[in-house]
Amino acid sequence: MSFAGKQIRLSRIFRRDDGKTVIIAVDHGRRYGAIQGLERFADRIKELVRADIDALMMTPAMIEKVFEIVSGKVGLIARIDGTGGIHSRDETDDRLISSVKRAVAVGADAAAVMVYPGSDNENMLWEKLALVVEEAYEYGIPVLAEAVPRPPRLPDKFDPEAILYGARISAELGADIVKIPSTGSRESFRKIIESTPVPVVVLGGPKVDSLEKILRIVWESMKAGAKGVAIGRNVFQHDSPVKVANALSLIVHENYNHLEAMKKTGLLT
């Protein structure tokens, strides 16, 4: 394993001056098909790379389709699982769609996989993460684990104990970055971060009606010690995705609060 290789790739995702990151997830097509906001994929990517973001997350196949747009502008995280489509029998039966080797071949700076603690597929998903970490070790590429609690055993995905359970096991199995839901409480989220010995980034989840609400969650999470965000639908489904992405950057990198960031970017007048 090349330690230097892993550190170089991480530095293309996390800014060297503050160690934080704004990741925009555009990997939703693997699960939803032509989801609203990503129908014209290349056009949306052309917009997003104009924003002050650090990385994009997409499947290896989509990296190949937009490499000329993203090359040298943003870090790339390859989503290498995605069999749990919304019309499949079980969304948590999320198996690999790519190898780590392919992620490296298309120029990715990290590989990402899903785990659903509490689901009936939990054992298989932990094994998947561990095997991906093992393969990634050989190539010196970081692994991002997205850990989202699910029924039947962890029905509340915002429960702090459930989130910590998934975050800590992900780190124990070798994930270099953990992407998790926010608890909604600065105090409880800080405890999770303190017990997770790798960088934590906050996910955005489904599109919400109130942009102010999601940006406030991001601000609270950063104050609790998060190292950034990995948000998709609340950016690319917004009428002004570049403005939202820039607002996220102001919160993550410039310590703006949610209202200040909205005013600065023209999202709040």
Protein backbone atom coordinates (compact mmCIF):
# COMPACT_ATOMS: atom_id res chain seq x y z
CA MET A 1 0.00 0.00 0.00
CA SER A 2 1.24 3.48 -0.84
CA PHE A 3 0.71 5.75 2.15
CA ALA A 4 1.79 8.67 -0.02
CA GLY A 5 -0.83 7.79 -2.62
CA LYS A 6 -3.62 7.78 -0.07
CA GLN A 7 -2.54 11.11 1.39
CA ILE A 8 -2.26 12.72 -2.04
CA ARG A 9 -5.76 11.56 -2.91
CA LEU A 10 -7.19 12.75 0.40
CA SER A 11 -5.62 16.17 -0.21
CA ARG A 12 -7.66 16.43 -3.41
CA ILE A 13 -10.85 15.95 -1.37
CA PHE A 14 -10.04 17.82 1.85
CA ARG A 15 -8.51 21.29 1.54
CA ARG A 16 -5.00 21.46 2.88
CA ASP A 17 -5.52 24.78 4.65
CA ASP A 18 -8.45 23.69 6.84
CA GLY A 19 -8.83 19.92 6.36
CA LYS A 20 -12.49 20.27 5.38
CA THR A 21 -14.52 19.41 2.31
CA VAL A 22 -17.68 20.15 0.34
CA ILE A 23 -18.67 17.07 -1.64
CA ILE A 24 -21.63 17.17 -4.00
CA ALA A 25 -23.14 13.72 -4.51
CA VAL A 26 -24.48 13.10 -8.02
CA ASP A 27 -24.53 9.30 -7.82
CA HIS A 28 -28.31 9.02 -7.46
CA GLY A 29 -28.93 7.71 -10.97
CA ARG A 30 -27.67 4.28 -9.95
CA ARG A 31 -30.63 4.00 -7.57
CA TYR A 32 -33.35 6.26 -9.00
CA GLY A 33 -32.67 6.30 -12.72
CA ALA A 34 -33.10 9.71 -14.39
CA ILE A 35 -33.78 11.56 -11.14
CA GLN A 36 -34.99 15.16 -11.37
CA GLY A 37 -32.03 17.51 -11.52
CA LEU A 38 -29.67 15.01 -13.15
CA GLU A 39 -31.58 14.22 -16.35
CA ARG A 40 -28.99 16.13 -18.41
CA PHE A 41 -26.04 14.90 -16.39
CA ALA A 42 -23.18 16.59 -18.20
CA ASP A 43 -24.95 19.95 -18.19
CA ARG A 44 -25.46 19.76 -14.43
CA ILE A 45 -21.81 18.86 -13.89
CA LYS A 46 -20.74 21.86 -15.98
CA GLU A 47 -22.74 24.03 -13.58
CA LEU A 48 -21.44 22.45 -10.40
CA VAL A 49 -17.75 22.70 -11.26
CA ARG A 50 -18.21 26.47 -11.37
CA ALA A 51 -19.09 26.42 -7.68
CA ASP A 52 -16.58 26.56 -4.82
CA ILE A 53 -16.73 22.83 -4.12
CA ASP A 54 -14.05 20.27 -3.43
CA ALA A 55 -15.29 16.98 -4.87
CA LEU A 56 -18.04 15.22 -6.77
CA MET A 57 -19.31 11.71 -6.08
CA MET A 58 -20.55 9.62 -9.02
CA THR A 59 -20.27 6.13 -10.45
CA PRO A 60 -17.15 5.13 -12.42
CA ALA A 61 -19.22 4.94 -15.62
CA MET A 62 -20.35 8.55 -15.20
CA ILE A 63 -16.82 9.71 -14.42
CA GLU A 64 -15.87 8.35 -17.83
CA LYS A 65 -18.66 10.37 -19.44
CA VAL A 66 -17.69 13.73 -17.91
CA PHE A 67 -13.94 13.41 -17.34
CA GLU A 68 -13.15 16.31 -19.66
CA ILE A 69 -15.46 18.57 -17.63
CA VAL A 70 -14.14 17.65 -14.19
CA SER A 71 -10.46 17.00 -14.86
CA GLY A 72 -8.25 19.24 -12.74
CA LYS A 73 -11.20 21.10 -11.24
CA VAL A 74 -12.57 18.88 -8.46
CA GLY A 75 -11.74 15.73 -6.56
CA LEU A 76 -13.61 12.59 -7.60
CA ILE A 77 -15.18 9.95 -5.41
CA ALA A 78 -16.31 6.80 -7.23
CA ARG A 79 -19.51 5.20 -5.95
CA ILE A 80 -18.82 1.52 -6.54
CA ASP A 81 -22.02 -0.07 -5.23
CA GLY A 82 -25.63 0.45 -6.23
CA THR A 83 -27.74 -2.65 -6.85
CA GLY A 84 -30.41 -1.52 -4.36
CA GLY A 85 -32.65 0.37 -6.78
CA ILE A 86 -35.89 1.97 -5.63
CA HIS A 87 -37.92 -0.67 -7.49
CA SER A 88 -35.82 -3.61 -6.35
CA ARG A 89 -37.09 -6.08 -3.80
CA ASP A 90 -34.81 -4.68 -1.10
CA GLU A 91 -33.00 -1.34 -1.36
CA THR A 92 -30.53 -2.42 1.33
CA ASP A 93 -29.32 -5.33 -0.81
CA ASP A 94 -26.67 -2.98 -2.16
CA ARG A 95 -23.90 -4.93 -3.84
CA LEU A 96 -20.85 -3.87 -5.79
CA ILE A 97 -21.17 -2.48 -9.32
CA SER A 98 -17.46 -1.81 -9.77
CA SER A 99 -14.08 -2.86 -8.45
CA VAL A 100 -11.69 -0.54 -6.67
CA LYS A 101 -9.29 -1.19 -9.53
CA ARG A 102 -11.75 0.36 -11.97
CA ALA A 103 -12.26 3.36 -9.67
CA VAL A 104 -8.50 3.93 -9.75
CA ALA A 105 -8.42 3.42 -13.52
CA VAL A 106 -10.98 6.18 -14.14
CA GLY A 107 -9.03 8.63 -11.97
CA ALA A 108 -11.01 8.58 -8.74
CA ASP A 109 -9.50 9.95 -5.54
CA ALA A 110 -11.63 7.71 -3.29
CA ALA A 111 -14.10 4.85 -3.49
CA ALA A 112 -17.48 4.96 -1.72
CA VAL A 113 -19.86 2.26 -0.53
CA MET A 114 -23.16 2.14 1.40
CA VAL A 115 -23.86 0.26 4.60
CA TYR A 116 -27.25 -0.01 6.30
CA PRO A 117 -26.77 -0.86 9.98
CA GLY A 118 -29.92 -2.46 11.41
CA SER A 119 -31.11 -3.86 8.08
CA ASP A 120 -31.51 -7.55 7.32
CA ASN A 121 -28.47 -7.23 5.02
CA GLU A 122 -26.20 -5.71 7.66
CA ASN A 123 -23.76 -8.66 7.81
CA MET A 124 -23.29 -8.72 4.04
CA LEU A 125 -22.82 -4.96 3.89
CA TRP A 126 -20.13 -4.93 6.58
CA GLU A 127 -18.35 -7.70 4.70
CA LYS A 128 -18.62 -5.65 1.49
CA LEU A 129 -17.04 -2.64 3.20
CA ALA A 130 -14.23 -4.73 4.67
CA LEU A 131 -13.43 -6.34 1.30
CA VAL A 132 -13.44 -2.96 -0.45
CA VAL A 133 -11.07 -1.58 2.21
CA GLU A 134 -8.81 -4.59 1.65
CA GLU A 135 -8.68 -4.00 -2.10
CA ALA A 136 -8.28 -0.24 -1.68
CA TYR A 137 -5.32 -0.84 0.64
CA GLU A 138 -3.39 -2.34 -2.26
CA TYR A 139 -3.95 0.74 -4.43
CA GLY A 140 -3.45 3.46 -1.81
CA ILE A 141 -6.94 4.85 -2.36
CA PRO A 142 -9.20 6.05 0.51
CA VAL A 143 -12.62 4.55 1.17
CA LEU A 144 -15.72 6.51 2.14
CA ALA A 145 -18.41 4.55 3.99
CA GLU A 146 -21.94 5.97 3.99
CA ALA A 147 -23.63 4.48 7.05
CA VAL A 148 -27.39 5.05 7.36
CA PRO A 149 -29.40 3.23 10.06
CA ARG A 150 -32.35 1.27 8.70
CA PRO A 151 -35.24 -0.91 9.92
CA PRO A 152 -36.05 -3.37 11.25
CA ARG A 153 -33.49 -3.13 14.06
CA LEU A 154 -32.60 0.55 13.83
CA PRO A 155 -35.83 2.23 12.66
CA ASP A 156 -34.84 5.81 13.58
CA LYS A 157 -32.01 6.96 11.31
CA PHE A 158 -31.55 10.10 13.43
CA ASP A 159 -31.06 8.22 16.70
CA PRO A 160 -27.59 9.17 18.03
CA GLU A 161 -26.78 5.67 19.27
CA ALA A 162 -27.77 4.15 15.93
CA ILE A 163 -25.66 6.66 13.99
CA LEU A 164 -22.66 6.15 16.27
CA TYR A 165 -23.00 2.39 15.90
CA GLY A 166 -22.68 2.64 12.12
CA ALA A 167 -19.98 5.32 12.16
CA ARG A 168 -17.71 3.54 14.62
CA ILE A 169 -17.96 0.13 12.97
CA SER A 170 -17.23 1.73 9.60
CA ALA A 171 -14.03 3.20 11.04
CA GLU A 172 -13.16 -0.07 12.77
CA LEU A 173 -13.41 -1.89 9.43
CA GLY A 174 -11.05 0.58 7.79
CA ALA A 175 -13.12 3.38 6.24
CA ASP A 176 -11.06 6.56 5.86
CA ILE A 177 -14.12 8.85 5.72
CA VAL A 178 -17.56 8.28 7.21
CA LYS A 179 -20.69 9.89 5.79
CA ILE A 180 -23.62 9.89 8.23
CA PRO A 181 -26.89 11.68 8.99
CA SER A 182 -26.89 14.54 11.46
CA THR A 183 -28.64 13.91 14.76
CA GLY A 184 -30.08 17.42 14.76
CA SER A 185 -28.32 18.16 18.05
CA ARG A 186 -24.87 19.74 18.26
CA GLU A 187 -24.16 18.03 21.58
CA SER A 188 -25.10 14.50 20.51
CA PHE A 189 -23.36 14.86 17.15
CA ARG A 190 -20.17 16.03 18.87
CA LYS A 191 -20.16 12.81 20.91
CA ILE A 192 -20.41 10.78 17.72
CA ILE A 193 -17.53 12.66 16.13
CA GLU A 194 -15.38 12.28 19.22
CA SER A 195 -15.96 8.51 19.13
CA THR A 196 -15.28 8.13 15.40
CA PRO A 197 -11.52 8.19 14.71
CA VAL A 198 -11.79 9.27 11.05
CA PRO A 199 -13.19 12.40 9.38
CA VAL A 200 -16.98 12.65 9.49
CA VAL A 201 -19.00 14.31 6.73
CA VAL A 202 -22.72 15.00 6.94
CA LEU A 203 -25.16 13.73 4.35
CA GLY A 204 -28.09 15.76 3.08
CA GLY A 205 -30.76 13.13 2.51
CA PRO A 206 -34.01 13.71 0.58
CA LYS A 207 -34.87 17.14 -0.81
CA VAL A 208 -36.37 19.35 1.91
CA ASP A 209 -38.78 22.26 1.51
CA SER A 210 -36.67 24.58 3.64
CA LEU A 211 -33.16 25.30 2.38
CA GLU A 212 -32.57 27.28 5.55
CA LYS A 213 -33.23 24.13 7.56
CA ILE A 214 -30.66 22.01 5.74
CA LEU A 215 -28.03 24.76 5.87
CA ARG A 216 -28.65 25.21 9.57
CA ILE A 217 -28.07 21.47 10.07
CA VAL A 218 -24.78 21.82 8.19
CA TRP A 219 -23.74 24.79 10.32
CA GLU A 220 -24.60 22.98 13.56
CA SER A 221 -22.73 19.88 12.37
CA MET A 222 -19.62 21.88 11.54
CA LYS A 223 -19.74 23.49 14.98
CA ALA A 224 -19.88 19.99 16.45
CA GLY A 225 -16.66 19.06 14.67
CA ALA A 226 -17.68 17.61 11.29
CA LYS A 227 -15.07 17.84 8.54
CA GLY A 228 -17.54 18.70 5.83
CA VAL A 229 -20.64 17.70 3.93
CA ALA A 230 -21.63 15.29 1.17
CA ILE A 231 -24.95 16.56 -0.15
CA GLY A 232 -26.81 15.81 -3.37
CA ARG A 233 -30.53 16.38 -3.88
CA ASN A 234 -30.68 19.54 -1.78
CA VAL A 235 -28.12 21.00 -4.19
CA PHE A 236 -28.80 19.62 -7.66
CA GLN A 237 -32.60 19.73 -7.31
CA HIS A 238 -32.58 23.37 -6.22
CA ASP A 239 -33.38 26.12 -8.72
CA SER A 240 -29.94 27.64 -8.05
CA PRO A 241 -27.57 24.73 -7.40
CA VAL A 242 -24.40 26.81 -7.72
CA LYS A 243 -25.62 29.29 -5.13
CA VAL A 244 -26.49 26.47 -2.72
CA ALA A 245 -23.11 24.83 -3.26
CA ASN A 246 -21.37 28.16 -2.62
CA ALA A 247 -23.43 28.65 0.55
CA LEU A 248 -22.25 25.25 1.77
CA SER A 249 -18.67 26.28 1.07
CA LEU A 250 -19.07 29.48 3.08
CA ILE A 251 -20.37 27.48 6.05
CA VAL A 252 -17.74 24.73 5.81
CA HIS A 253 -14.67 26.74 4.85
CA GLU A 254 -15.38 30.32 5.96
CA ASN A 255 -17.27 29.70 9.23
CA TYR A 256 -20.39 31.56 8.08
CA ASN A 257 -23.62 30.62 9.79
CA HIS A 258 -26.52 29.44 7.64
CA LEU A 259 -28.24 32.84 7.40
CA GLU A 260 -25.02 34.70 6.62
CA ALA A 261 -24.22 32.19 3.88
CA MET A 262 -27.68 32.54 2.36
CA LYS A 263 -27.43 36.33 2.32
CA LYS A 264 -23.90 36.29 0.87
CA THR A 265 -24.96 34.02 -2.02
CA GLY A 266 -28.25 35.77 -2.73
CA LEU A 267 -30.41 32.92 -1.48
CA LEU A 268 -31.87 35.16 1.20
CA THR A 269 -32.71 38.80 0.53
